[in-house]
């Protein structure tokens, strides 16, 4: 029996234009009528999840920042947090600061980006809607990274955009040499960094334990490498038709693409089996 649904947003529940299709909206109504909870599970901050999704009665919880945060979607209260230690953030930044990369800090429900690095977002390979979304969500700062660390709350995750394979290799190597960190990706030009214990699969397991729901009764949807732990943790992990190869390998089933409302089409069949 399906009791909870965990779904990535970009490339999964949302179309490439960042909208919720009519079919997916209808599926939320059906889920609510059947008592099934829908949990957005995303690299985004809570403030960047579409308001119409957070307002839907089927949505009581959200997993944010790739599993670093589990929050009450209605009140914003943090239920579980797995931040990166600030000395680790500073060490990584100091090692990589000479590269032509961004070094985006997710904290205080914002994404802090150095003003001097903001222009790099215009020169990395991104779709128009993705670029617009990213730029609109950045908070620019002019102080040093050391000063920023004294001014913010816990750092939930980091994001780095790079232009070249050489810079990619340097960034990945720097992360991999720090056992306290883990990395994943959601775009060809980025790496997403969290505490080693923070990932979508761990957040799924924590929330299920918190609510007394068996992971066997969970369906999870994703399209990218940062979704693989979630698909493996769920009783039924489903990869989108547009998913990367690693995500499809981690899945139990495949569904239609995000442009074809794949989440709705798959779930309506599963929810139709409920009594």
C-alpha atoms as a PDB file:
ATOM      1  CA  UNK A   1       0.000   0.000   0.000  1.00  0.00           C
ATOM      2  CA  UNK A   2       1.289   3.451  -0.906  1.00  0.00           C
ATOM      3  CA  UNK A   3       1.345   5.739   2.124  1.00  0.00           C
ATOM      4  CA  UNK A   4       3.915   8.358   1.120  1.00  0.00           C
ATOM      5  CA  UNK A   5       5.389   9.712  -2.102  1.00  0.00           C
ATOM      6  CA  UNK A   6       8.790  11.407  -2.194  1.00  0.00           C
ATOM      7  CA  UNK A   7       9.488  13.310  -5.389  1.00  0.00           C
ATOM      8  CA  UNK A   8      12.335  15.360  -6.743  1.00  0.00           C
ATOM      9  CA  UNK A   9      11.190  18.595  -8.372  1.00  0.00           C
ATOM     10  CA  UNK A  10      13.358  19.829 -11.252  1.00  0.00           C
ATOM     11  CA  UNK A  11      13.261  17.368 -14.115  1.00  0.00           C
ATOM     12  CA  UNK A  12      10.845  15.146 -12.212  1.00  0.00           C
ATOM     13  CA  UNK A  13       7.670  16.732 -10.831  1.00  0.00           C
ATOM     14  CA  UNK A  14       8.286  20.018 -12.656  1.00  0.00           C
ATOM     15  CA  UNK A  15       8.674  20.420 -16.400  1.00  0.00           C
ATOM     16  CA  UNK A  16      11.854  21.953 -17.870  1.00  0.00           C
ATOM     17  CA  UNK A  17       9.985  25.280 -17.753  1.00  0.00           C
ATOM     18  CA  UNK A  18       9.581  24.839 -13.973  1.00  0.00           C
ATOM     19  CA  UNK A  19       5.811  24.389 -13.965  1.00  0.00           C
ATOM     20  CA  UNK A  20       3.471  21.809 -12.430  1.00  0.00           C
ATOM     21  CA  UNK A  21       1.350  20.176 -15.109  1.00  0.00           C
ATOM     22  CA  UNK A  22      -2.416  19.872 -14.780  1.00  0.00           C
ATOM     23  CA  UNK A  23      -2.052  16.088 -14.535  1.00  0.00           C
ATOM     24  CA  UNK A  24       0.387  16.371 -11.651  1.00  0.00           C
ATOM     25  CA  UNK A  25      -1.875  18.854  -9.862  1.00  0.00           C
ATOM     26  CA  UNK A  26      -4.784  16.452 -10.239  1.00  0.00           C
ATOM     27  CA  UNK A  27      -2.649  13.628  -8.871  1.00  0.00           C
ATOM     28  CA  UNK A  28      -2.037  15.671  -5.705  1.00  0.00           C
ATOM     29  CA  UNK A  29      -5.794  15.949  -5.198  1.00  0.00           C
ATOM     30  CA  UNK A  30      -6.200  12.197  -5.638  1.00  0.00           C
ATOM     31  CA  UNK A  31      -3.338  11.514  -3.231  1.00  0.00           C
ATOM     32  CA  UNK A  32      -4.910  13.729  -0.590  1.00  0.00           C
ATOM     33  CA  UNK A  33      -8.294  12.042  -1.028  1.00  0.00           C
ATOM     34  CA  UNK A  34      -6.610   8.655  -0.512  1.00  0.00           C
ATOM     35  CA  UNK A  35      -4.663   9.793   2.567  1.00  0.00           C
ATOM     36  CA  UNK A  36      -1.297   9.632   0.801  1.00  0.00           C
ATOM     37  CA  UNK A  37       1.293  12.226   1.788  1.00  0.00           C
ATOM     38  CA  UNK A  38       3.352  13.900  -0.938  1.00  0.00           C
ATOM     39  CA  UNK A  39       6.844  15.009   0.092  1.00  0.00           C
ATOM     40  CA  UNK A  40       8.875  17.316  -2.174  1.00  0.00           C
ATOM     41  CA  UNK A  41      12.465  16.062  -1.950  1.00  0.00           C
ATOM     42  CA  UNK A  42      14.768  18.588  -3.554  1.00  0.00           C
ATOM     43  CA  UNK A  43      18.071  20.379  -3.591  1.00  0.00           C
ATOM     44  CA  UNK A  44      16.147  23.620  -3.248  1.00  0.00           C
ATOM     45  CA  UNK A  45      15.540  25.626  -0.111  1.00  0.00           C
ATOM     46  CA  UNK A  46      12.012  25.568   1.314  1.00  0.00           C
ATOM     47  CA  UNK A  47      11.525  29.139   0.096  1.00  0.00           C
ATOM     48  CA  UNK A  48      12.219  28.027  -3.493  1.00  0.00           C
ATOM     49  CA  UNK A  49       9.620  25.250  -3.583  1.00  0.00           C
ATOM     50  CA  UNK A  50       6.562  26.394  -5.596  1.00  0.00           C
ATOM     51  CA  UNK A  51       4.036  27.993  -3.262  1.00  0.00           C
ATOM     52  CA  UNK A  52       1.129  26.130  -4.842  1.00  0.00           C
ATOM     53  CA  UNK A  53       2.823  22.857  -3.933  1.00  0.00           C
ATOM     54  CA  UNK A  54       3.518  23.861  -0.330  1.00  0.00           C
ATOM     55  CA  UNK A  55      -0.074  25.052   0.044  1.00  0.00           C
ATOM     56  CA  UNK A  56      -1.577  21.768  -1.141  1.00  0.00           C
ATOM     57  CA  UNK A  57      -3.165  19.734   1.690  1.00  0.00           C
ATOM     58  CA  UNK A  58      -1.303  16.580   0.633  1.00  0.00           C
ATOM     59  CA  UNK A  59       2.016  18.283   1.425  1.00  0.00           C
ATOM     60  CA  UNK A  60       2.868  18.402   5.137  1.00  0.00           C
ATOM     61  CA  UNK A  61       6.642  17.885   4.978  1.00  0.00           C
ATOM     62  CA  UNK A  62       9.502  18.701   2.647  1.00  0.00           C
ATOM     63  CA  UNK A  63      13.064  17.478   2.282  1.00  0.00           C
ATOM     64  CA  UNK A  64      15.335  20.355   1.279  1.00  0.00           C
ATOM     65  CA  UNK A  65      18.979  20.939   0.352  1.00  0.00           C
ATOM     66  CA  UNK A  66      19.482  17.361  -0.872  1.00  0.00           C
ATOM     67  CA  UNK A  67      18.484  15.849   2.463  1.00  0.00           C
ATOM     68  CA  UNK A  68      20.250  18.240   4.814  1.00  0.00           C
ATOM     69  CA  UNK A  69      16.917  19.570   6.051  1.00  0.00           C
ATOM     70  CA  UNK A  70      13.583  17.950   6.830  1.00  0.00           C
ATOM     71  CA  UNK A  71      10.963  20.602   7.524  1.00  0.00           C
ATOM     72  CA  UNK A  72       7.298  21.064   8.303  1.00  0.00           C
ATOM     73  CA  UNK A  73       6.037  22.432   4.996  1.00  0.00           C
ATOM     74  CA  UNK A  74       3.258  24.458   6.595  1.00  0.00           C
ATOM     75  CA  UNK A  75       5.141  26.121   9.453  1.00  0.00           C
ATOM     76  CA  UNK A  76       8.713  25.972   8.191  1.00  0.00           C
ATOM     77  CA  UNK A  77       9.879  24.387  11.428  1.00  0.00           C
ATOM     78  CA  UNK A  78      13.057  22.371  11.017  1.00  0.00           C
ATOM     79  CA  UNK A  79      12.566  18.785  12.183  1.00  0.00           C
ATOM     80  CA  UNK A  80      15.971  17.378  11.235  1.00  0.00           C
ATOM     81  CA  UNK A  81      19.159  19.178  10.184  1.00  0.00           C
ATOM     82  CA  UNK A  82      22.552  17.847   9.089  1.00  0.00           C
ATOM     83  CA  UNK A  83      24.757  20.881   8.357  1.00  0.00           C
ATOM     84  CA  UNK A  84      28.318  21.152   7.078  1.00  0.00           C
ATOM     85  CA  UNK A  85      30.804  22.364   9.677  1.00  0.00           C
ATOM     86  CA  UNK A  86      31.844  25.914   8.894  1.00  0.00           C
ATOM     87  CA  UNK A  87      35.543  25.199   9.237  1.00  0.00           C
ATOM     88  CA  UNK A  88      35.092  22.590   6.515  1.00  0.00           C
ATOM     89  CA  UNK A  89      33.352  25.163   4.316  1.00  0.00           C
ATOM     90  CA  UNK A  90      36.222  27.604   4.791  1.00  0.00           C
ATOM     91  CA  UNK A  91      38.866  24.977   4.128  1.00  0.00           C
ATOM     92  CA  UNK A  92      37.215  23.930   0.881  1.00  0.00           C
ATOM     93  CA  UNK A  93      36.692  27.528  -0.206  1.00  0.00           C
ATOM     94  CA  UNK A  94      40.293  28.492   0.469  1.00  0.00           C
ATOM     95  CA  UNK A  95      41.537  25.548  -1.591  1.00  0.00           C
ATOM     96  CA  UNK A  96      39.312  26.348  -4.580  1.00  0.00           C
ATOM     97  CA  UNK A  97      38.972  30.137  -4.496  1.00  0.00           C
ATOM     98  CA  UNK A  98      41.475  30.746  -7.313  1.00  0.00           C
ATOM     99  CA  UNK A  99      39.295  28.845  -9.816  1.00  0.00           C
ATOM    100  CA  UNK A 100      36.679  30.486 -12.033  1.00  0.00           C
ATOM    101  CA  UNK A 101      33.783  28.832 -10.223  1.00  0.00           C
ATOM    102  CA  UNK A 102      30.857  29.829  -8.086  1.00  0.00           C
ATOM    103  CA  UNK A 103      30.824  28.839  -4.429  1.00  0.00           C
ATOM    104  CA  UNK A 104      27.185  29.060  -3.397  1.00  0.00           C
ATOM    105  CA  UNK A 105      26.316  28.734   0.288  1.00  0.00           C
ATOM    106  CA  UNK A 106      22.867  27.464   1.320  1.00  0.00           C
ATOM    107  CA  UNK A 107      22.047  28.892   4.750  1.00  0.00           C
ATOM    108  CA  UNK A 108      19.181  30.772   6.404  1.00  0.00           C
ATOM    109  CA  UNK A 109      16.867  29.623   3.575  1.00  0.00           C
ATOM    110  CA  UNK A 110      18.952  31.668   1.157  1.00  0.00           C
ATOM    111  CA  UNK A 111      21.665  30.936  -1.372  1.00  0.00           C
ATOM    112  CA  UNK A 112      24.608  33.272  -0.829  1.00  0.00           C
ATOM    113  CA  UNK A 113      26.858  33.963  -3.826  1.00  0.00           C
ATOM    114  CA  UNK A 114      29.863  36.265  -4.005  1.00  0.00           C
ATOM    115  CA  UNK A 115      29.051  39.229  -6.211  1.00  0.00           C
ATOM    116  CA  UNK A 116      32.383  38.788  -7.991  1.00  0.00           C
ATOM    117  CA  UNK A 117      31.415  35.223  -9.005  1.00  0.00           C
ATOM    118  CA  UNK A 118      27.763  35.843  -9.876  1.00  0.00           C
ATOM    119  CA  UNK A 119      28.563  36.440 -13.555  1.00  0.00           C
ATOM    120  CA  UNK A 120      29.799  32.881 -13.957  1.00  0.00           C
ATOM    121  CA  UNK A 121      26.174  31.730 -13.878  1.00  0.00           C
ATOM    122  CA  UNK A 122      25.716  33.447 -17.247  1.00  0.00           C
ATOM    123  CA  UNK A 123      28.589  31.558 -18.844  1.00  0.00           C
ATOM    124  CA  UNK A 124      28.024  27.962 -17.721  1.00  0.00           C
ATOM    125  CA  UNK A 125      25.872  25.589 -19.768  1.00  0.00           C
ATOM    126  CA  UNK A 126      22.301  25.939 -18.470  1.00  0.00           C
ATOM    127  CA  UNK A 127      18.849  26.099 -20.023  1.00  0.00           C
ATOM    128  CA  UNK A 128      17.182  29.495 -20.014  1.00  0.00           C
ATOM    129  CA  UNK A 129      14.552  28.629 -17.371  1.00  0.00           C
ATOM    130  CA  UNK A 130      17.157  27.000 -15.125  1.00  0.00           C
ATOM    131  CA  UNK A 131      19.506  29.977 -15.416  1.00  0.00           C
ATOM    132  CA  UNK A 132      16.691  32.412 -14.639  1.00  0.00           C
ATOM    133  CA  UNK A 133      15.594  30.384 -11.618  1.00  0.00           C
ATOM    134  CA  UNK A 134      19.139  30.153 -10.264  1.00  0.00           C
ATOM    135  CA  UNK A 135      19.894  33.850 -10.709  1.00  0.00           C
ATOM    136  CA  UNK A 136      16.597  34.935  -9.153  1.00  0.00           C
ATOM    137  CA  UNK A 137      17.301  32.863  -6.054  1.00  0.00           C
ATOM    138  CA  UNK A 138      20.788  34.163  -5.273  1.00  0.00           C
ATOM    139  CA  UNK A 139      21.604  36.626  -2.481  1.00  0.00           C
ATOM    140  CA  UNK A 140      24.807  38.473  -3.365  1.00  0.00           C
ATOM    141  CA  UNK A 141      27.438  39.336  -0.788  1.00  0.00           C
ATOM    142  CA  UNK A 142      30.608  41.434  -0.864  1.00  0.00           C
ATOM    143  CA  UNK A 143      32.242  40.453   2.417  1.00  0.00           C
ATOM    144  CA  UNK A 144      34.827  37.708   2.786  1.00  0.00           C
ATOM    145  CA  UNK A 145      33.792  34.074   3.157  1.00  0.00           C
ATOM    146  CA  UNK A 146      35.153  34.176   6.709  1.00  0.00           C
ATOM    147  CA  UNK A 147      32.852  37.082   7.514  1.00  0.00           C
ATOM    148  CA  UNK A 148      29.887  35.373   5.884  1.00  0.00           C
ATOM    149  CA  UNK A 149      30.400  32.323   8.084  1.00  0.00           C
ATOM    150  CA  UNK A 150      30.125  34.505  11.185  1.00  0.00           C
ATOM    151  CA  UNK A 151      26.905  36.093   9.931  1.00  0.00           C
ATOM    152  CA  UNK A 152      24.899  33.053   8.830  1.00  0.00           C
ATOM    153  CA  UNK A 153      23.270  30.149  10.559  1.00  0.00           C
ATOM    154  CA  UNK A 154      24.075  26.499   9.793  1.00  0.00           C
ATOM    155  CA  UNK A 155      25.282  25.773   6.252  1.00  0.00           C
ATOM    156  CA  UNK A 156      22.997  23.138   4.740  1.00  0.00           C
ATOM    157  CA  UNK A 157      24.808  22.594   1.458  1.00  0.00           C
ATOM    158  CA  UNK A 158      27.172  24.090  -1.091  1.00  0.00           C
ATOM    159  CA  UNK A 159      26.829  24.371  -4.844  1.00  0.00           C
ATOM    160  CA  UNK A 160      29.669  24.936  -7.284  1.00  0.00           C
ATOM    161  CA  UNK A 161      29.300  25.737 -10.986  1.00  0.00           C
ATOM    162  CA  UNK A 162      32.359  25.200 -13.170  1.00  0.00           C
ATOM    163  CA  UNK A 163      33.196  25.714 -16.846  1.00  0.00           C
ATOM    164  CA  UNK A 164      35.866  23.135 -17.654  1.00  0.00           C
ATOM    165  CA  UNK A 165      36.633  19.475 -17.110  1.00  0.00           C
ATOM    166  CA  UNK A 166      39.880  20.521 -15.427  1.00  0.00           C
ATOM    167  CA  UNK A 167      38.070  22.637 -12.844  1.00  0.00           C
ATOM    168  CA  UNK A 168      35.492  19.885 -12.364  1.00  0.00           C
ATOM    169  CA  UNK A 169      38.249  17.397 -11.577  1.00  0.00           C
ATOM    170  CA  UNK A 170      39.900  19.781  -9.108  1.00  0.00           C
ATOM    171  CA  UNK A 171      36.614  20.447  -7.306  1.00  0.00           C
ATOM    172  CA  UNK A 172      35.625  16.786  -7.120  1.00  0.00           C
ATOM    173  CA  UNK A 173      39.061  15.810  -5.866  1.00  0.00           C
ATOM    174  CA  UNK A 174      38.951  18.473  -3.146  1.00  0.00           C
ATOM    175  CA  UNK A 175      35.571  17.202  -1.968  1.00  0.00           C
ATOM    176  CA  UNK A 176      36.556  13.538  -2.139  1.00  0.00           C
ATOM    177  CA  UNK A 177      39.615  14.140   0.050  1.00  0.00           C
ATOM    178  CA  UNK A 178      37.318  15.305   2.838  1.00  0.00           C
ATOM    179  CA  UNK A 179      35.638  12.290   4.417  1.00  0.00           C
ATOM    180  CA  UNK A 180      33.157  14.568   6.167  1.00  0.00           C
ATOM    181  CA  UNK A 181      31.648  15.600   2.806  1.00  0.00           C
ATOM    182  CA  UNK A 182      29.687  13.909   0.040  1.00  0.00           C
ATOM    183  CA  UNK A 183      28.965  15.155  -3.459  1.00  0.00           C
ATOM    184  CA  UNK A 184      26.260  14.649  -6.038  1.00  0.00           C
ATOM    185  CA  UNK A 185      25.158  16.381  -9.212  1.00  0.00           C
ATOM    186  CA  UNK A 186      21.959  17.521 -10.865  1.00  0.00           C
ATOM    187  CA  UNK A 187      23.464  19.346 -13.864  1.00  0.00           C
ATOM    188  CA  UNK A 188      26.466  18.657 -16.102  1.00  0.00           C
ATOM    189  CA  UNK A 189      28.163  21.849 -14.899  1.00  0.00           C
ATOM    190  CA  UNK A 190      27.681  21.610 -11.134  1.00  0.00           C
ATOM    191  CA  UNK A 191      28.484  19.693  -7.998  1.00  0.00           C
ATOM    192  CA  UNK A 192      26.264  19.727  -4.892  1.00  0.00           C
ATOM    193  CA  UNK A 193      28.020  19.230  -1.573  1.00  0.00           C
ATOM    194  CA  UNK A 194      26.548  18.192   1.764  1.00  0.00           C
ATOM    195  CA  UNK A 195      27.677  16.649   5.006  1.00  0.00           C
ATOM    196  CA  UNK A 196      28.613  13.008   4.439  1.00  0.00           C
ATOM    197  CA  UNK A 197      25.525  11.863   6.362  1.00  0.00           C
ATOM    198  CA  UNK A 198      23.098  14.110   4.466  1.00  0.00           C
ATOM    199  CA  UNK A 199      21.409  12.784   1.350  1.00  0.00           C
ATOM    200  CA  UNK A 200      17.874  12.279   0.107  1.00  0.00           C
ATOM    201  CA  UNK A 201      17.797   8.603   1.036  1.00  0.00           C
ATOM    202  CA  UNK A 202      18.758   9.298   4.641  1.00  0.00           C
ATOM    203  CA  UNK A 203      16.119  12.021   4.881  1.00  0.00           C
ATOM    204  CA  UNK A 204      13.470   9.677   3.490  1.00  0.00           C
ATOM    205  CA  UNK A 205      14.360   7.046   6.073  1.00  0.00           C
ATOM    206  CA  UNK A 206      14.394   9.606   8.893  1.00  0.00           C
ATOM    207  CA  UNK A 207      10.977  11.052   8.026  1.00  0.00           C
ATOM    208  CA  UNK A 208       9.453   7.597   7.645  1.00  0.00           C
ATOM    209  CA  UNK A 209      10.793   6.684  11.076  1.00  0.00           C
ATOM    210  CA  UNK A 210       9.503   9.949  12.526  1.00  0.00           C
ATOM    211  CA  UNK A 211       6.015   9.279  11.159  1.00  0.00           C
ATOM    212  CA  UNK A 212       5.982   5.529  11.742  1.00  0.00           C
ATOM    213  CA  UNK A 213       5.686   4.681   8.043  1.00  0.00           C
ATOM    214  CA  UNK A 214       7.500   1.697   6.556  1.00  0.00           C
ATOM    215  CA  UNK A 215       9.808   2.570   3.664  1.00  0.00           C
ATOM    216  CA  UNK A 216       8.187  -0.375   1.882  1.00  0.00           C
ATOM    217  CA  UNK A 217       5.071   1.803   1.599  1.00  0.00           C
ATOM    218  CA  UNK A 218       6.945   4.656  -0.112  1.00  0.00           C
ATOM    219  CA  UNK A 219       7.199   5.486  -3.804  1.00  0.00           C
ATOM    220  CA  UNK A 220      10.023   7.840  -4.803  1.00  0.00           C
ATOM    221  CA  UNK A 221      10.644   9.627  -8.109  1.00  0.00           C
ATOM    222  CA  UNK A 222      13.838  11.144  -9.472  1.00  0.00           C
ATOM    223  CA  UNK A 223      15.811  11.968 -12.573  1.00  0.00           C
ATOM    224  CA  UNK A 224      19.374  12.689 -11.550  1.00  0.00           C
ATOM    225  CA  UNK A 225      22.397  11.385  -9.671  1.00  0.00           C
ATOM    226  CA  UNK A 226      21.407  13.188  -6.474  1.00  0.00           C
ATOM    227  CA  UNK A 227      18.177  11.144  -6.403  1.00  0.00           C
ATOM    228  CA  UNK A 228      19.758   7.680  -6.406  1.00  0.00           C
ATOM    229  CA  UNK A 229      19.908   7.220  -2.624  1.00  0.00           C
ATOM    230  CA  UNK A 230      16.227   8.148  -2.379  1.00  0.00           C
ATOM    231  CA  UNK A 231      15.211   5.658  -5.056  1.00  0.00           C
ATOM    232  CA  UNK A 232      17.149   2.896  -3.313  1.00  0.00           C
ATOM    233  CA  UNK A 233      15.664   3.737   0.104  1.00  0.00           C
ATOM    234  CA  UNK A 234      12.055   3.650  -1.098  1.00  0.00           C
ATOM    235  CA  UNK A 235      10.025   0.495  -1.478  1.00  0.00           C
ATOM    236  CA  UNK A 236       9.436   1.526  -5.082  1.00  0.00           C
ATOM    237  CA  UNK A 237      12.052   3.772  -6.668  1.00  0.00           C
ATOM    238  CA  UNK A 238      10.957   5.212 -10.002  1.00  0.00           C
ATOM    239  CA  UNK A 239      13.196   6.962 -12.528  1.00  0.00           C
ATOM    240  CA  UNK A 240      11.845   9.340 -15.126  1.00  0.00           C
ATOM    241  CA  UNK A 241      12.239   8.548 -18.815  1.00  0.00           C
ATOM    242  CA  UNK A 242      14.481  11.645 -19.002  1.00  0.00           C
ATOM    243  CA  UNK A 243      16.638  10.449 -16.081  1.00  0.00           C
ATOM    244  CA  UNK A 244      20.395  10.000 -16.285  1.00  0.00           C
ATOM    245  CA  UNK A 245      21.739   6.457 -16.550  1.00  0.00           C
ATOM    246  CA  UNK A 246      22.844   6.241 -12.894  1.00  0.00           C
ATOM    247  CA  UNK A 247      19.341   7.139 -11.742  1.00  0.00           C
ATOM    248  CA  UNK A 248      17.747   4.501 -13.957  1.00  0.00           C
ATOM    249  CA  UNK A 249      20.152   1.890 -12.608  1.00  0.00           C
ATOM    250  CA  UNK A 250      19.058   2.740  -9.040  1.00  0.00           C
ATOM    251  CA  UNK A 251      15.348   2.486  -9.850  1.00  0.00           C
ATOM    252  CA  UNK A 252      12.898  -0.380  -9.567  1.00  0.00           C
ATOM    253  CA  UNK A 253      10.719   1.002 -12.351  1.00  0.00           C
ATOM    254  CA  UNK A 254      10.691   3.649 -15.065  1.00  0.00           C
ATOM    255  CA  UNK A 255       7.924   6.114 -15.897  1.00  0.00           C
ATOM    256  CA  UNK A 256       7.197   8.711 -18.564  1.00  0.00           C
ATOM    257  CA  UNK A 257       9.223  11.918 -18.741  1.00  0.00           C
ATOM    258  CA  UNK A 258       8.635  15.061 -16.704  1.00  0.00           C
ATOM    259  CA  UNK A 259       7.132  16.778 -19.757  1.00  0.00           C
ATOM    260  CA  UNK A 260       4.601  13.942 -19.995  1.00  0.00           C
ATOM    261  CA  UNK A 261       3.538  14.121 -16.317  1.00  0.00           C
ATOM    262  CA  UNK A 262       5.312  10.856 -15.590  1.00  0.00           C
ATOM    263  CA  UNK A 263       4.833  11.136 -11.824  1.00  0.00           C
ATOM    264  CA  UNK A 264       1.065  11.409 -12.197  1.00  0.00           C
ATOM    265  CA  UNK A 265       0.770   8.694 -14.823  1.00  0.00           C
ATOM    266  CA  UNK A 266       2.685   6.199 -12.709  1.00  0.00           C
ATOM    267  CA  UNK A 267       1.053   7.071  -9.396  1.00  0.00           C
ATOM    268  CA  UNK A 268      -2.497   7.095 -10.680  1.00  0.00           C
ATOM    269  CA  UNK A 269      -2.063   3.422 -11.444  1.00  0.00           C
ATOM    270  CA  UNK A 270      -0.658   2.722  -7.990  1.00  0.00           C
ATOM    271  CA  UNK A 271      -3.227   4.839  -6.172  1.00  0.00           C
ATOM    272  CA  UNK A 272      -6.022   3.210  -8.132  1.00  0.00           C
ATOM    273  CA  UNK A 273      -5.138  -0.062  -6.379  1.00  0.00           C
ATOM    274  CA  UNK A 274      -5.826   1.367  -2.917  1.00  0.00           C
ATOM    275  CA  UNK A 275      -8.930   0.260  -1.101  1.00  0.00           C
END
